[in-house]
Every structure is written in C-alpha cells, then in structure tokens.
PDB file of N, CA and C in Angstrom:
ATOM      1  N   MET A   1      46.727 -21.237  71.488  1.00  0.00           N
ATOM      2  CA  MET A   1      45.400 -21.687  71.872  1.00  0.00           C
ATOM      3  C   MET A   1      44.747 -20.677  72.811  1.00  0.00           C
ATOM      4  N   ALA A   2      43.491 -20.446  72.599  1.00  0.00           N
ATOM      5  CA  ALA A   2      42.733 -19.540  73.460  1.00  0.00           C
ATOM      6  C   ALA A   2      42.580 -20.149  74.850  1.00  0.00           C
ATOM      7  N   TYR A   3      42.355 -19.294  75.813  1.00  0.00           N
ATOM      8  CA  TYR A   3      42.105 -19.758  77.167  1.00  0.00           C
ATOM      9  C   TYR A   3      40.659 -20.251  77.285  1.00  0.00           C
ATOM     10  N   VAL A   4      40.436 -21.170  78.209  1.00  0.00           N
ATOM     11  CA  VAL A   4      39.096 -21.652  78.555  1.00  0.00           C
ATOM     12  C   VAL A   4      38.977 -21.582  80.068  1.00  0.00           C
ATOM     13  N   ILE A   5      37.754 -21.568  80.561  1.00  0.00           N
ATOM     14  CA  ILE A   5      37.532 -21.517  82.004  1.00  0.00           C
ATOM     15  C   ILE A   5      36.990 -22.859  82.454  1.00  0.00           C
ATOM     16  N   GLY A   6      37.689 -23.481  83.394  1.00  0.00           N
ATOM     17  CA  GLY A   6      37.318 -24.800  83.887  1.00  0.00           C
ATOM     18  C   GLY A   6      36.221 -24.761  84.936  1.00  0.00           C
ATOM     19  N   ASP A   7      35.857 -25.928  85.400  1.00  0.00           N
ATOM     20  CA  ASP A   7      34.768 -26.084  86.357  1.00  0.00           C
ATOM     21  C   ASP A   7      35.069 -25.509  87.737  1.00  0.00           C
ATOM     22  N   ALA A   8      36.315 -25.155  87.996  1.00  0.00           N
ATOM     23  CA  ALA A   8      36.666 -24.567  89.289  1.00  0.00           C
ATOM     24  C   ALA A   8      36.129 -23.141  89.432  1.00  0.00           C
ATOM     25  N   CYS A   9      35.632 -22.573  88.346  1.00  0.00           N
ATOM     26  CA  CYS A   9      35.137 -21.189  88.334  1.00  0.00           C
ATOM     27  C   CYS A   9      34.095 -20.974  89.429  1.00  0.00           C
ATOM     28  N   ILE A  10      34.274 -19.877  90.197  1.00  0.00           N
ATOM     29  CA  ILE A  10      33.335 -19.534  91.259  1.00  0.00           C
ATOM     30  C   ILE A  10      32.506 -18.298  90.892  1.00  0.00           C
ATOM     31  N   SER A  11      32.561 -17.905  89.622  1.00  0.00           N
ATOM     32  CA  SER A  11      31.780 -16.775  89.091  1.00  0.00           C
ATOM     33  C   SER A  11      32.013 -15.463  89.843  1.00  0.00           C
ATOM     34  N   CYS A  12      33.254 -15.197  90.189  1.00  0.00           N
ATOM     35  CA  CYS A  12      33.571 -13.963  90.913  1.00  0.00           C
ATOM     36  C   CYS A  12      33.720 -12.769  89.978  1.00  0.00           C
ATOM     37  N   GLY A  13      34.025 -13.013  88.710  1.00  0.00           N
ATOM     38  CA  GLY A  13      34.161 -11.940  87.738  1.00  0.00           C
ATOM     39  C   GLY A  13      35.541 -11.337  87.619  1.00  0.00           C
ATOM     40  N   ALA A  14      36.500 -11.818  88.387  1.00  0.00           N
ATOM     41  CA  ALA A  14      37.854 -11.256  88.337  1.00  0.00           C
ATOM     42  C   ALA A  14      38.451 -11.386  86.942  1.00  0.00           C
ATOM     43  N   CYS A  15      38.190 -12.480  86.279  1.00  0.00           N
ATOM     44  CA  CYS A  15      38.730 -12.689  84.933  1.00  0.00           C
ATOM     45  C   CYS A  15      38.146 -11.676  83.952  1.00  0.00           C
ATOM     46  N   ALA A  16      36.843 -11.510  83.979  1.00  0.00           N
ATOM     47  CA  ALA A  16      36.171 -10.585  83.056  1.00  0.00           C
ATOM     48  C   ALA A  16      36.604  -9.145  83.311  1.00  0.00           C
ATOM     49  N   ASP A  17      36.763  -8.786  84.569  1.00  0.00           N
ATOM     50  CA  ASP A  17      37.170  -7.425  84.918  1.00  0.00           C
ATOM     51  C   ASP A  17      38.562  -7.083  84.396  1.00  0.00           C
ATOM     52  N   ASN A  18      39.401  -8.098  84.197  1.00  0.00           N
ATOM     53  CA  ASN A  18      40.782  -7.860  83.794  1.00  0.00           C
ATOM     54  C   ASN A  18      41.082  -8.211  82.342  1.00  0.00           C
ATOM     55  N   CYS A  19      40.098  -8.634  81.590  1.00  0.00           N
ATOM     56  CA  CYS A  19      40.309  -8.992  80.184  1.00  0.00           C
ATOM     57  C   CYS A  19      40.382  -7.722  79.341  1.00  0.00           C
ATOM     58  N   PRO A  20      41.516  -7.482  78.664  1.00  0.00           N
ATOM     59  CA  PRO A  20      41.672  -6.243  77.899  1.00  0.00           C
ATOM     60  C   PRO A  20      40.841  -6.183  76.613  1.00  0.00           C
ATOM     61  N   VAL A  21      40.332  -7.309  76.152  1.00  0.00           N
ATOM     62  CA  VAL A  21      39.558  -7.330  74.909  1.00  0.00           C
ATOM     63  C   VAL A  21      38.101  -7.722  75.129  1.00  0.00           C
ATOM     64  N   GLU A  22      37.677  -7.758  76.385  1.00  0.00           N
ATOM     65  CA  GLU A  22      36.292  -8.077  76.756  1.00  0.00           C
ATOM     66  C   GLU A  22      35.802  -9.384  76.116  1.00  0.00           C
ATOM     67  N   ALA A  23      36.645 -10.420  76.196  1.00  0.00           N
ATOM     68  CA  ALA A  23      36.320 -11.711  75.616  1.00  0.00           C
ATOM     69  C   ALA A  23      35.599 -12.629  76.600  1.00  0.00           C
ATOM     70  N   ILE A  24      35.400 -12.180  77.835  1.00  0.00           N
ATOM     71  CA  ILE A  24      34.838 -13.029  78.877  1.00  0.00           C
ATOM     72  C   ILE A  24      33.474 -12.519  79.309  1.00  0.00           C
ATOM     73  N   SER A  25      32.516 -13.439  79.393  1.00  0.00           N
ATOM     74  CA  SER A  25      31.166 -13.079  79.824  1.00  0.00           C
ATOM     75  C   SER A  25      30.600 -14.177  80.718  1.00  0.00           C
ATOM     76  N   GLN A  26      29.585 -13.814  81.479  1.00  0.00           N
ATOM     77  CA  GLN A  26      28.927 -14.778  82.370  1.00  0.00           C
ATOM     78  C   GLN A  26      28.181 -15.795  81.518  1.00  0.00           C
ATOM     79  N   GLY A  27      28.458 -17.053  81.756  1.00  0.00           N
ATOM     80  CA  GLY A  27      27.771 -18.130  81.058  1.00  0.00           C
ATOM     81  C   GLY A  27      26.807 -18.822  81.989  1.00  0.00           C
ATOM     82  N   ASP A  28      26.458 -20.021  81.662  1.00  0.00           N
ATOM     83  CA  ASP A  28      25.525 -20.810  82.453  1.00  0.00           C
ATOM     84  C   ASP A  28      26.272 -21.489  83.601  1.00  0.00           C
ATOM     85  N   GLY A  29      26.318 -20.837  84.760  1.00  0.00           N
ATOM     86  CA  GLY A  29      26.973 -21.407  85.932  1.00  0.00           C
ATOM     87  C   GLY A  29      28.430 -21.028  86.105  1.00  0.00           C
ATOM     88  N   LYS A  30      29.064 -20.497  85.067  1.00  0.00           N
ATOM     89  CA  LYS A  30      30.452 -20.050  85.164  1.00  0.00           C
ATOM     90  C   LYS A  30      30.725 -19.072  84.029  1.00  0.00           C
ATOM     91  N   TYR A  31      31.842 -18.394  84.107  1.00  0.00           N
ATOM     92  CA  TYR A  31      32.218 -17.465  83.050  1.00  0.00           C
ATOM     93  C   TYR A  31      32.738 -18.243  81.845  1.00  0.00           C
ATOM     94  N   GLU A  32      32.628 -17.625  80.661  1.00  0.00           N
ATOM     95  CA  GLU A  32      33.071 -18.255  79.422  1.00  0.00           C
ATOM     96  C   GLU A  32      33.938 -17.279  78.636  1.00  0.00           C
ATOM     97  N   ILE A  33      34.887 -17.831  77.890  1.00  0.00           N
ATOM     98  CA  ILE A  33      35.780 -17.019  77.075  1.00  0.00           C
ATOM     99  C   ILE A  33      35.447 -17.241  75.608  1.00  0.00           C
ATOM    100  N   ASP A  34      35.270 -16.144  74.883  1.00  0.00           N
ATOM    101  CA  ASP A  34      35.024 -16.203  73.441  1.00  0.00           C
ATOM    102  C   ASP A  34      36.372 -16.422  72.760  1.00  0.00           C
ATOM    103  N   ALA A  35      36.584 -17.603  72.204  1.00  0.00           N
ATOM    104  CA  ALA A  35      37.865 -17.957  71.590  1.00  0.00           C
ATOM    105  C   ALA A  35      38.215 -17.058  70.413  1.00  0.00           C
ATOM    106  N   GLU A  36      37.213 -16.501  69.766  1.00  0.00           N
ATOM    107  CA  GLU A  36      37.456 -15.601  68.626  1.00  0.00           C
ATOM    108  C   GLU A  36      38.065 -14.273  69.091  1.00  0.00           C
ATOM    109  N   LYS A  37      37.731 -13.839  70.280  1.00  0.00           N
ATOM    110  CA  LYS A  37      38.227 -12.564  70.806  1.00  0.00           C
ATOM    111  C   LYS A  37      39.497 -12.714  71.642  1.00  0.00           C
ATOM    112  N   CYS A  38      39.714 -13.879  72.229  1.00  0.00           N
ATOM    113  CA  CYS A  38      40.844 -14.108  73.135  1.00  0.00           C
ATOM    114  C   CYS A  38      42.180 -13.874  72.424  1.00  0.00           C
ATOM    115  N   ILE A  39      43.038 -13.057  73.050  1.00  0.00           N
ATOM    116  CA  ILE A  39      44.361 -12.779  72.487  1.00  0.00           C
ATOM    117  C   ILE A  39      45.460 -13.530  73.245  1.00  0.00           C
ATOM    118  N   GLU A  40      45.059 -14.448  74.112  1.00  0.00           N
ATOM    119  CA  GLU A  40      45.990 -15.315  74.838  1.00  0.00           C
ATOM    120  C   GLU A  40      46.994 -14.548  75.689  1.00  0.00           C
ATOM    121  N   CYS A  41      46.543 -13.464  76.307  1.00  0.00           N
ATOM    122  CA  CYS A  41      47.449 -12.647  77.111  1.00  0.00           C
ATOM    123  C   CYS A  41      47.665 -13.212  78.516  1.00  0.00           C
ATOM    124  N   GLY A  42      46.706 -14.012  79.005  1.00  0.00           N
ATOM    125  CA  GLY A  42      46.849 -14.607  80.322  1.00  0.00           C
ATOM    126  C   GLY A  42      46.364 -13.760  81.476  1.00  0.00           C
ATOM    127  N   ALA A  43      45.807 -12.581  81.199  1.00  0.00           N
ATOM    128  CA  ALA A  43      45.329 -11.711  82.277  1.00  0.00           C
ATOM    129  C   ALA A  43      44.243 -12.401  83.104  1.00  0.00           C
ATOM    130  N   CYS A  44      43.416 -13.186  82.465  1.00  0.00           N
ATOM    131  CA  CYS A  44      42.351 -13.893  83.184  1.00  0.00           C
ATOM    132  C   CYS A  44      42.943 -14.882  84.187  1.00  0.00           C
ATOM    133  N   ALA A  45      43.901 -15.651  83.737  1.00  0.00           N
ATOM    134  CA  ALA A  45      44.536 -16.648  84.606  1.00  0.00           C
ATOM    135  C   ALA A  45      45.313 -15.984  85.737  1.00  0.00           C
ATOM    136  N   ASP A  46      45.961 -14.871  85.438  1.00  0.00           N
ATOM    137  CA  ASP A  46      46.761 -14.174  86.442  1.00  0.00           C
ATOM    138  C   ASP A  46      45.908 -13.592  87.569  1.00  0.00           C
ATOM    139  N   ASN A  47      44.646 -13.297  87.291  1.00  0.00           N
ATOM    140  CA  ASN A  47      43.788 -12.641  88.272  1.00  0.00           C
ATOM    141  C   ASN A  47      42.741 -13.548  88.898  1.00  0.00           C
ATOM    142  N   CYS A  48      42.690 -14.796  88.520  1.00  0.00           N
ATOM    143  CA  CYS A  48      41.684 -15.724  89.042  1.00  0.00           C
ATOM    144  C   CYS A  48      42.141 -16.308  90.384  1.00  0.00           C
ATOM    145  N   PRO A  49      41.301 -16.203  91.419  1.00  0.00           N
ATOM    146  CA  PRO A  49      41.685 -16.719  92.731  1.00  0.00           C
ATOM    147  C   PRO A  49      41.663 -18.253  92.824  1.00  0.00           C
ATOM    148  N   VAL A  50      41.011 -18.931  91.870  1.00  0.00           N
ATOM    149  CA  VAL A  50      40.940 -20.397  91.927  1.00  0.00           C
ATOM    150  C   VAL A  50      41.585 -21.068  90.713  1.00  0.00           C
ATOM    151  N   GLU A  51      42.324 -20.300  89.933  1.00  0.00           N
ATOM    152  CA  GLU A  51      43.048 -20.819  88.773  1.00  0.00           C
ATOM    153  C   GLU A  51      42.159 -21.565  87.779  1.00  0.00           C
ATOM    154  N   ALA A  52      40.945 -21.053  87.532  1.00  0.00           N
ATOM    155  CA  ALA A  52      40.021 -21.698  86.605  1.00  0.00           C
ATOM    156  C   ALA A  52      40.410 -21.518  85.136  1.00  0.00           C
ATOM    157  N   PRO A  53      40.853 -20.315  84.709  1.00  0.00           N
ATOM    158  CA  PRO A  53      41.233 -20.167  83.289  1.00  0.00           C
ATOM    159  C   PRO A  53      42.555 -20.884  82.996  1.00  0.00           C
ATOM    160  N   HIS A  54      42.596 -21.541  81.863  1.00  0.00           N
ATOM    161  CA  HIS A  54      43.824 -22.219  81.419  1.00  0.00           C
ATOM    162  C   HIS A  54      43.790 -22.331  79.910  1.00  0.00           C
ATOM    163  N   GLN A  55      44.952 -22.545  79.312  1.00  0.00           N
ATOM    164  CA  GLN A  55      44.992 -22.678  77.865  1.00  0.00           C
ATOM    165  C   GLN A  55      44.458 -24.038  77.459  1.00  0.00           C
ATOM    166  N   ALA A  56      43.675 -24.043  76.402  1.00  0.00           N
ATOM    167  CA  ALA A  56      43.046 -25.276  75.916  1.00  0.00           C
ATOM    168  C   ALA A  56      44.055 -26.162  75.221  1.00  0.00           C
TER     169      ALA A  56
END
C-alpha cells in the first residue's frame, strides 16, 4: 500500500525533500502523496518530525 499523509502534517516539506521518486507535493493545507508514483520506501515517514506519513 502506498503511503498517505495524515492531518498531523505541519507542511514543513521534510517528506517531499526526501522522496526519491518525487511523489510528494504541497496540497491544500498539507502535503500529498501520489499513490501512482509512491514506491513504499518509507523515506517520507522516516524524515517527518510529526509522523504524518503512514501506510494506507
């Protein structure tokens, strides 16, 4: 399952900066992950200070 970003997101960009496939972009109020591009590597979750990304 692809990762998703929960409501805890503080829009810091740490997840997007560390995504190796550029699947993360700024959405409406929080970052969003494109499930088609996500390779489920976990880099977003590993680098998020508030643990917002998680597997769906």
